[in-house]
Protein backbone atom coordinates (compact mmCIF):
# COMPACT_ATOMS: atom_id res chain seq x y z
CA UNK A 1 69.71 -53.15 -76.94
CA UNK A 2 69.92 -49.37 -76.60
CA UNK A 3 73.32 -47.85 -77.26
CA UNK A 4 74.58 -44.35 -76.51
CA UNK A 5 77.96 -43.31 -77.89
CA UNK A 6 79.91 -40.86 -75.73
CA UNK A 7 82.16 -38.81 -78.02
CA UNK A 8 84.93 -36.87 -76.33
CA UNK A 9 87.85 -34.88 -77.71
CA UNK A 10 90.35 -37.74 -77.50
CA UNK A 11 88.27 -40.88 -77.00
CA UNK A 12 84.85 -42.41 -77.22
CA UNK A 13 82.97 -45.29 -75.63
CA UNK A 14 79.53 -46.84 -75.64
CA UNK A 15 76.85 -47.16 -72.98
CA UNK A 16 74.84 -50.36 -73.51
CA UNK A 17 71.40 -50.68 -71.89
CA UNK A 18 69.42 -53.92 -72.01
CA UNK A 19 67.40 -56.05 -69.61
CA UNK A 20 69.17 -59.35 -68.90
CA UNK A 21 72.49 -58.08 -70.25
CA UNK A 22 74.47 -59.39 -67.28
CA UNK A 23 73.38 -63.01 -67.81
CA UNK A 24 75.74 -63.43 -70.79
CA UNK A 25 78.20 -60.64 -70.10
CA UNK A 26 81.17 -62.63 -71.41
CA UNK A 27 79.78 -62.46 -74.95
CA UNK A 28 79.56 -58.65 -74.71
CA UNK A 29 83.04 -58.30 -73.19
CA UNK A 30 84.58 -60.57 -75.82
CA UNK A 31 83.32 -58.15 -78.47
CA UNK A 32 85.53 -55.35 -77.16
CA UNK A 33 88.36 -57.03 -75.21
CA UNK A 34 90.52 -59.74 -76.81
CA UNK A 35 92.93 -60.31 -73.92
CA UNK A 36 92.99 -63.10 -71.34
CA UNK A 37 92.95 -61.67 -67.82
CA UNK A 38 90.07 -59.88 -66.09
CA UNK A 39 90.06 -58.64 -62.50
CA UNK A 40 86.54 -58.04 -61.16
CA UNK A 41 86.22 -55.53 -58.32
CA UNK A 42 82.95 -55.75 -56.42
CA UNK A 43 81.55 -55.53 -52.89
CA UNK A 44 80.40 -58.38 -50.67
CA UNK A 45 76.68 -57.69 -51.23
CA UNK A 46 76.97 -57.87 -55.02
CA UNK A 47 79.41 -60.76 -54.84
CA UNK A 48 76.91 -62.81 -52.84
CA UNK A 49 74.17 -62.37 -55.46
CA UNK A 50 76.06 -62.21 -58.76
CA UNK A 51 79.71 -63.03 -58.14
CA UNK A 52 79.79 -66.75 -58.93
CA UNK A 53 77.56 -66.69 -62.02
CA UNK A 54 79.24 -63.54 -63.34
CA UNK A 55 82.73 -65.03 -63.14
CA UNK A 56 81.62 -68.40 -64.53
CA UNK A 57 80.18 -66.64 -67.57
CA UNK A 58 83.45 -64.77 -68.16
CA UNK A 59 85.41 -68.03 -67.85
CA UNK A 60 83.04 -69.61 -70.37
CA UNK A 61 84.50 -67.20 -72.94
CA UNK A 62 88.08 -68.11 -72.12
CA UNK A 63 89.01 -65.44 -69.61
CA UNK A 64 91.22 -65.98 -66.58
CA UNK A 65 89.29 -64.22 -63.80
CA UNK A 66 90.08 -62.97 -60.31
CA UNK A 67 87.32 -61.45 -58.18
CA UNK A 68 88.33 -58.94 -55.51
CA UNK A 69 85.74 -58.06 -52.90
CA UNK A 70 85.54 -54.97 -50.72
CA UNK A 71 83.28 -54.04 -47.84
CA UNK A 72 80.10 -52.19 -48.94
CA UNK A 73 79.71 -48.53 -48.05
CA UNK A 74 81.32 -45.13 -48.43
CA UNK A 75 84.07 -45.95 -45.90
CA UNK A 76 85.65 -48.28 -48.48
CA UNK A 77 86.30 -45.37 -50.84
CA UNK A 78 89.65 -44.64 -49.22
CA UNK A 79 93.36 -44.67 -49.99
CA UNK A 80 93.81 -47.55 -47.55
CA UNK A 81 91.35 -49.76 -49.42
CA UNK A 82 92.85 -48.63 -52.74
CA UNK A 83 96.28 -49.77 -51.54
CA UNK A 84 94.85 -53.18 -50.68
CA UNK A 85 93.38 -53.41 -54.19
CA UNK A 86 96.74 -52.56 -55.75
CA UNK A 87 98.35 -55.42 -53.81
CA UNK A 88 95.71 -57.94 -54.86
CA UNK A 89 95.88 -56.87 -58.49
CA UNK A 90 99.66 -57.22 -58.45
CA UNK A 91 99.31 -60.67 -56.84
CA UNK A 92 97.13 -61.55 -59.85
CA UNK A 93 100.06 -60.36 -62.00
CA UNK A 94 97.80 -58.00 -63.87
CA UNK A 95 99.46 -55.98 -66.63
CA UNK A 96 98.72 -52.77 -68.44
CA UNK A 97 97.17 -54.72 -71.29
CA UNK A 98 94.63 -56.53 -69.12
CA UNK A 99 91.15 -55.46 -68.02
CA UNK A 100 89.46 -54.45 -64.77
CA UNK A 101 85.68 -54.65 -64.38
CA UNK A 102 83.91 -52.71 -61.64
CA UNK A 103 80.74 -54.59 -60.73
CA UNK A 104 78.73 -52.67 -58.16
CA UNK A 105 77.42 -49.30 -57.11
CA UNK A 106 79.02 -45.88 -57.02
CA UNK A 107 81.62 -46.73 -54.38
CA UNK A 108 82.89 -49.74 -56.35
CA UNK A 109 82.88 -47.77 -59.61
CA UNK A 110 84.63 -44.71 -58.21
CA UNK A 111 87.21 -46.69 -56.24
CA UNK A 112 87.82 -49.30 -58.93
CA UNK A 113 88.04 -46.61 -61.58
CA UNK A 114 90.55 -44.67 -59.48
CA UNK A 115 92.69 -47.78 -59.01
CA UNK A 116 92.45 -48.53 -62.75
CA UNK A 117 93.55 -44.98 -63.61
CA UNK A 118 96.59 -45.03 -61.33
CA UNK A 119 98.04 -48.56 -61.41
CA UNK A 120 100.73 -48.61 -64.14
CA UNK A 121 99.41 -45.13 -65.07
CA UNK A 122 96.28 -46.66 -66.47
CA UNK A 123 94.63 -50.05 -67.05
CA UNK A 124 91.48 -50.31 -69.18
CA UNK A 125 88.31 -50.81 -67.18
CA UNK A 126 84.64 -51.44 -67.81
CA UNK A 127 81.82 -50.20 -65.61
CA UNK A 128 78.93 -52.55 -64.84
CA UNK A 129 76.82 -50.56 -62.37
CA UNK A 130 74.35 -52.45 -60.17
CA UNK A 131 72.56 -49.56 -58.45
CA UNK A 132 70.25 -47.06 -60.08
CA UNK A 133 72.40 -44.16 -58.92
CA UNK A 134 75.49 -45.68 -60.53
CA UNK A 135 73.61 -46.63 -63.71
CA UNK A 136 72.39 -43.11 -64.41
CA UNK A 137 75.16 -41.05 -62.90
CA UNK A 138 78.48 -42.16 -61.44
CA UNK A 139 79.36 -44.82 -64.04
CA UNK A 140 79.25 -42.25 -66.86
CA UNK A 141 81.59 -39.34 -67.46
CA UNK A 142 84.95 -40.58 -66.23
CA UNK A 143 85.05 -39.14 -62.73
CA UNK A 144 86.92 -41.56 -60.46
CA UNK A 145 87.99 -40.78 -56.92
CA UNK A 146 88.52 -41.67 -53.28
CA UNK A 147 87.58 -39.73 -50.17
CA UNK A 148 89.68 -38.15 -47.47
CA UNK A 149 88.64 -37.51 -43.88
CA UNK A 150 88.26 -33.85 -44.83
CA UNK A 151 85.79 -34.45 -47.63
CA UNK A 152 84.34 -36.52 -50.42
CA UNK A 153 86.13 -37.24 -53.73
CA UNK A 154 89.05 -34.96 -52.90
CA UNK A 155 91.59 -37.24 -54.63
CA UNK A 156 90.67 -38.34 -58.13
CA UNK A 157 91.02 -37.97 -61.84
CA UNK A 158 89.13 -38.06 -65.12
CA UNK A 159 89.50 -41.58 -66.51
CA UNK A 160 86.85 -42.94 -68.83
CA UNK A 161 85.77 -46.57 -68.98
CA UNK A 162 86.20 -48.69 -72.10
CA UNK A 163 82.42 -49.28 -71.97
CA UNK A 164 79.45 -49.15 -69.61
CA UNK A 165 77.01 -52.07 -69.49
CA UNK A 166 73.67 -51.38 -67.79
CA UNK A 167 71.21 -54.16 -66.95
CA UNK A 168 67.99 -52.74 -65.43
CA UNK A 169 67.07 -56.24 -64.18
CA UNK A 170 69.74 -56.13 -61.46
CA UNK A 171 67.68 -53.44 -59.74
CA UNK A 172 65.19 -56.15 -58.73
CA UNK A 173 67.63 -57.28 -56.03
CA UNK A 174 68.40 -53.73 -54.89
CA UNK A 175 67.28 -52.68 -51.41
CA UNK A 176 64.31 -50.33 -51.80
CA UNK A 177 66.06 -47.53 -49.95
CA UNK A 178 68.81 -47.55 -52.58
CA UNK A 179 66.36 -47.75 -55.46
CA UNK A 180 64.85 -44.48 -54.26
CA UNK A 181 68.34 -43.17 -53.54
CA UNK A 182 68.97 -43.42 -57.28
CA UNK A 183 65.65 -41.76 -58.06
CA UNK A 184 67.02 -38.61 -56.42
CA UNK A 185 69.54 -38.36 -59.25
CA UNK A 186 66.84 -39.05 -61.84
CA UNK A 187 64.81 -36.20 -60.35
CA UNK A 188 67.92 -34.02 -60.50
CA UNK A 189 68.30 -34.61 -64.24
CA UNK A 190 64.67 -33.70 -64.83
CA UNK A 191 64.98 -30.51 -62.78
CA UNK A 192 68.08 -29.17 -64.50
CA UNK A 193 67.33 -30.21 -68.06
CA UNK A 194 64.09 -32.08 -68.87
CA UNK A 195 60.68 -30.84 -67.75
CA UNK A 196 58.92 -33.67 -69.61
CA UNK A 197 60.92 -36.24 -67.63
CA UNK A 198 59.92 -34.46 -64.41
CA UNK A 199 56.27 -34.69 -65.43
CA UNK A 200 56.62 -38.42 -66.16
CA UNK A 201 58.29 -39.07 -62.81
CA UNK A 202 55.25 -37.51 -61.14
CA UNK A 203 52.68 -39.84 -62.71
CA UNK A 204 53.99 -43.30 -61.79
CA UNK A 205 51.55 -44.66 -59.21
CA UNK A 206 53.70 -47.26 -57.50
CA UNK A 207 56.95 -49.19 -57.59
CA UNK A 208 55.55 -51.70 -60.11
CA UNK A 209 54.82 -48.93 -62.60
CA UNK A 210 58.20 -47.33 -61.89
CA UNK A 211 60.04 -50.58 -62.62
CA UNK A 212 58.04 -51.13 -65.79
CA UNK A 213 59.35 -47.77 -67.05
CA UNK A 214 62.81 -47.92 -65.48
CA UNK A 215 64.68 -48.67 -68.71
CA UNK A 216 63.27 -45.52 -70.30
CA UNK A 217 64.22 -43.50 -67.20
CA UNK A 218 67.78 -44.87 -67.29
CA UNK A 219 68.13 -44.18 -71.01
CA UNK A 220 66.87 -40.59 -70.71
CA UNK A 221 69.11 -39.80 -67.74
CA UNK A 222 72.16 -41.29 -69.47
CA UNK A 223 71.33 -39.32 -72.60
CA UNK A 224 71.28 -36.06 -70.61
CA UNK A 225 74.57 -36.85 -68.89
CA UNK A 226 76.20 -37.90 -72.17
CA UNK A 227 75.24 -34.59 -73.76
CA UNK A 228 76.54 -32.53 -70.85
CA UNK A 229 79.80 -34.49 -70.52
CA UNK A 230 80.48 -34.11 -74.24
CA UNK A 231 80.05 -30.33 -73.91
CA UNK A 232 82.25 -30.06 -70.81
CA UNK A 233 84.37 -33.13 -70.10
CA UNK A 234 86.49 -31.50 -67.38
CA UNK A 235 83.72 -29.97 -65.28
CA UNK A 236 84.53 -26.30 -65.94
CA UNK A 237 81.20 -24.98 -67.16
CA UNK A 238 78.10 -26.87 -68.29
CA UNK A 239 78.92 -30.05 -66.39
CA UNK A 240 78.59 -28.22 -63.10
CA UNK A 241 74.81 -28.41 -63.64
CA UNK A 242 75.04 -32.07 -62.65
CA UNK A 243 75.94 -30.93 -59.14
CA UNK A 244 72.47 -29.51 -58.42
CA UNK A 245 71.73 -30.33 -54.78
CA UNK A 246 75.21 -31.72 -54.25
CA UNK A 247 76.86 -28.75 -52.51
CA UNK A 248 74.56 -29.08 -49.50
CA UNK A 249 74.11 -32.84 -50.05
CA UNK A 250 77.81 -33.63 -49.76
CA UNK A 251 78.07 -31.41 -46.68
CA UNK A 252 75.20 -33.33 -45.03
CA UNK A 253 76.86 -36.67 -45.82
CA UNK A 254 80.13 -35.45 -44.32
CA UNK A 255 78.40 -33.90 -41.28
CA UNK A 256 76.91 -37.27 -40.34
CA UNK A 257 80.07 -39.17 -41.28
CA UNK A 258 78.28 -40.90 -44.20
CA UNK A 259 76.06 -42.86 -41.79
CA UNK A 260 72.67 -41.13 -41.50
CA UNK A 261 71.99 -40.31 -45.14
CA UNK A 262 72.77 -41.96 -48.46
CA UNK A 263 74.17 -39.86 -51.28
CA UNK A 264 70.80 -39.56 -53.00
CA UNK A 265 69.07 -38.61 -49.75
CA UNK A 266 71.62 -35.85 -49.16
CA UNK A 267 71.11 -34.59 -52.72
CA UNK A 268 67.33 -34.66 -52.26
CA UNK A 269 67.60 -32.48 -49.15
CA UNK A 270 70.04 -30.18 -50.95
CA UNK A 271 67.82 -29.74 -54.02
CA UNK A 272 64.75 -28.81 -52.03
CA UNK A 273 66.40 -26.51 -49.53
CA UNK A 274 68.55 -24.52 -51.92
CA UNK A 275 65.50 -24.06 -54.17
CA UNK A 276 63.40 -22.94 -51.21
CA UNK A 277 66.00 -20.28 -50.43
CA UNK A 278 66.44 -19.20 -54.07
CA UNK A 279 62.65 -18.78 -54.33
CA UNK A 280 62.70 -16.52 -51.29
CA UNK A 281 65.43 -14.51 -53.02
CA UNK A 282 63.28 -14.20 -56.19
CA UNK A 283 65.78 -16.19 -58.25
CA UNK A 284 63.57 -19.22 -58.87
CA UNK A 285 59.98 -19.32 -60.10
CA UNK A 286 57.54 -19.38 -57.17
CA UNK A 287 56.10 -22.79 -56.37
CA UNK A 288 59.11 -24.74 -57.68
CA UNK A 289 60.22 -25.95 -54.25
CA UNK A 290 56.73 -27.29 -53.51
CA UNK A 291 56.82 -29.28 -56.75
CA UNK A 292 60.21 -30.68 -55.73
CA UNK A 293 58.92 -31.56 -52.27
CA UNK A 294 55.97 -33.42 -53.79
CA UNK A 295 58.08 -35.58 -56.10
CA UNK A 296 60.62 -36.31 -53.36
CA UNK A 297 57.85 -37.51 -51.06
CA UNK A 298 56.50 -39.71 -53.86
CA UNK A 299 59.83 -41.58 -53.89
CA UNK A 300 60.28 -41.79 -50.11
CA UNK A 301 63.09 -39.24 -50.16
CA UNK A 302 63.77 -36.75 -47.35
CA UNK A 303 63.62 -33.01 -47.90
CA UNK A 304 63.97 -31.46 -44.43
CA UNK A 305 67.32 -30.02 -43.43
CA UNK A 306 67.73 -31.18 -39.84
CA UNK A 307 69.08 -28.98 -37.08
CA UNK A 308 72.84 -28.84 -37.62
CA UNK A 309 75.69 -26.55 -36.68
CA UNK A 310 75.79 -24.00 -39.49
CA UNK A 311 79.53 -23.39 -39.24
CA UNK A 312 80.32 -27.09 -39.64
CA UNK A 313 78.12 -27.28 -42.71
CA UNK A 314 79.79 -24.20 -44.20
CA UNK A 315 83.25 -25.62 -43.43
CA UNK A 316 82.37 -28.80 -45.31
CA UNK A 317 81.08 -26.74 -48.24
CA UNK A 318 84.27 -24.64 -48.46
CA UNK A 319 86.28 -27.86 -48.92
CA UNK A 320 84.13 -28.88 -51.88
CA UNK A 321 86.32 -29.66 -54.92
CA UNK A 322 83.99 -27.58 -57.14
CA UNK A 323 85.13 -24.37 -55.47
CA UNK A 324 87.63 -22.17 -57.31
CA UNK A 325 89.58 -19.80 -55.08
CA UNK A 326 87.16 -17.71 -53.07
CA UNK A 327 84.28 -18.55 -55.41
CA UNK A 328 81.67 -21.25 -54.87
CA UNK A 329 79.75 -22.47 -57.90
CA UNK A 330 76.22 -23.35 -56.85
CA UNK A 331 73.51 -24.70 -59.11
CA UNK A 332 70.08 -23.10 -59.03
CA UNK A 333 66.88 -23.39 -61.03
CA UNK A 334 65.11 -20.69 -62.97
CA UNK A 335 62.17 -23.10 -63.11
CA UNK A 336 61.53 -26.83 -63.57
CA UNK A 337 63.80 -28.11 -66.36
CA UNK A 338 66.10 -25.09 -66.44
CA UNK A 339 69.17 -25.06 -64.23
CA UNK A 340 72.06 -22.61 -64.22
CA UNK A 341 75.41 -22.02 -62.51
CA UNK A 342 75.67 -19.09 -60.10
CA UNK A 343 79.04 -17.93 -58.79
CA UNK A 344 78.95 -16.64 -55.24
CA UNK A 345 81.44 -15.86 -52.50
CA UNK A 346 81.91 -18.16 -49.54
CA UNK A 347 80.37 -15.45 -47.38
CA UNK A 348 77.26 -15.32 -49.60
CA UNK A 349 76.84 -19.08 -49.22
CA UNK A 350 75.56 -18.46 -45.70
CA UNK A 351 72.42 -16.96 -47.20
CA UNK A 352 71.60 -20.29 -48.85
CA UNK A 353 71.92 -22.37 -45.68
CA UNK A 354 69.11 -22.61 -43.13
CA UNK A 355 69.97 -25.26 -40.56
CA UNK A 356 66.85 -24.72 -38.44
CA UNK A 357 64.92 -27.10 -40.64
CA UNK A 358 62.59 -26.27 -43.52
CA UNK A 359 59.07 -27.68 -43.96
């Protein structure tokens, strides 16, 4: 088993990575939680595949378990669904000393983490991410949140899990679109911080070779995020690098009401297009956007920014939680493997948006 220890100013926790880890999860949980009650928050897709065996294994180790299932998709990351979870957890008579497990992708982790952070002012929770995107990104770092109609993740907090357990084998049951959705975040890590990872991501010939190497990819991405989170837990400086591609990506998701593009697909489009523009402005090394386009195409990810109303895109961007006053923090590349934060005005952001479509 590979273990990464996240060391923060006031707390620490481990990320455990091992193939087959989920098959005897109760043994792992018993090593860090000595209580009796566990509430498992998941979605109906994950519940159908893993729910019964997962809960049976927990019960095998003496836990009293309640599984709570939500509808899959970004629409579930809402205050209304959170309220429903509070009611079901209270029906289970959960207490502050009990444990919540989030078993699922980013929506389950973000929503379940938010509920854990707010019920009784905080119940311990453990992240068990089942999508690649959640395994390498959203399950690590303590960001938990719900969406509002006006934008994504506008209500949230920093609340770290007690542990993160990552089983690469669960990706075998993941829809291929969402496997590649997660690869967008892996590509992001390589672009902002690890040129050698970018080069490796370019040489895998097919999905079989990708899956053979997936544990190494997960470990390297988690290692990058761990390092950045330790440097900047509250997202004030260095951690903003993790938002490369996200300013435009989130705006695209919102523009299409979270229906046309997944999160990773939006980020993919954002990474390519903002780099294309920064190249034209002589900020980024020439040829970088073509390299990004090539790797995105290799993983069936989109890169074209479709025809959209520019003002609506800009309005979505100005509501982004990363903005501070009149300043927008955007992430750009100097070259492959070297990202940086650039502070611009909301007016200047218009220069980085081309809604006519880029090829």
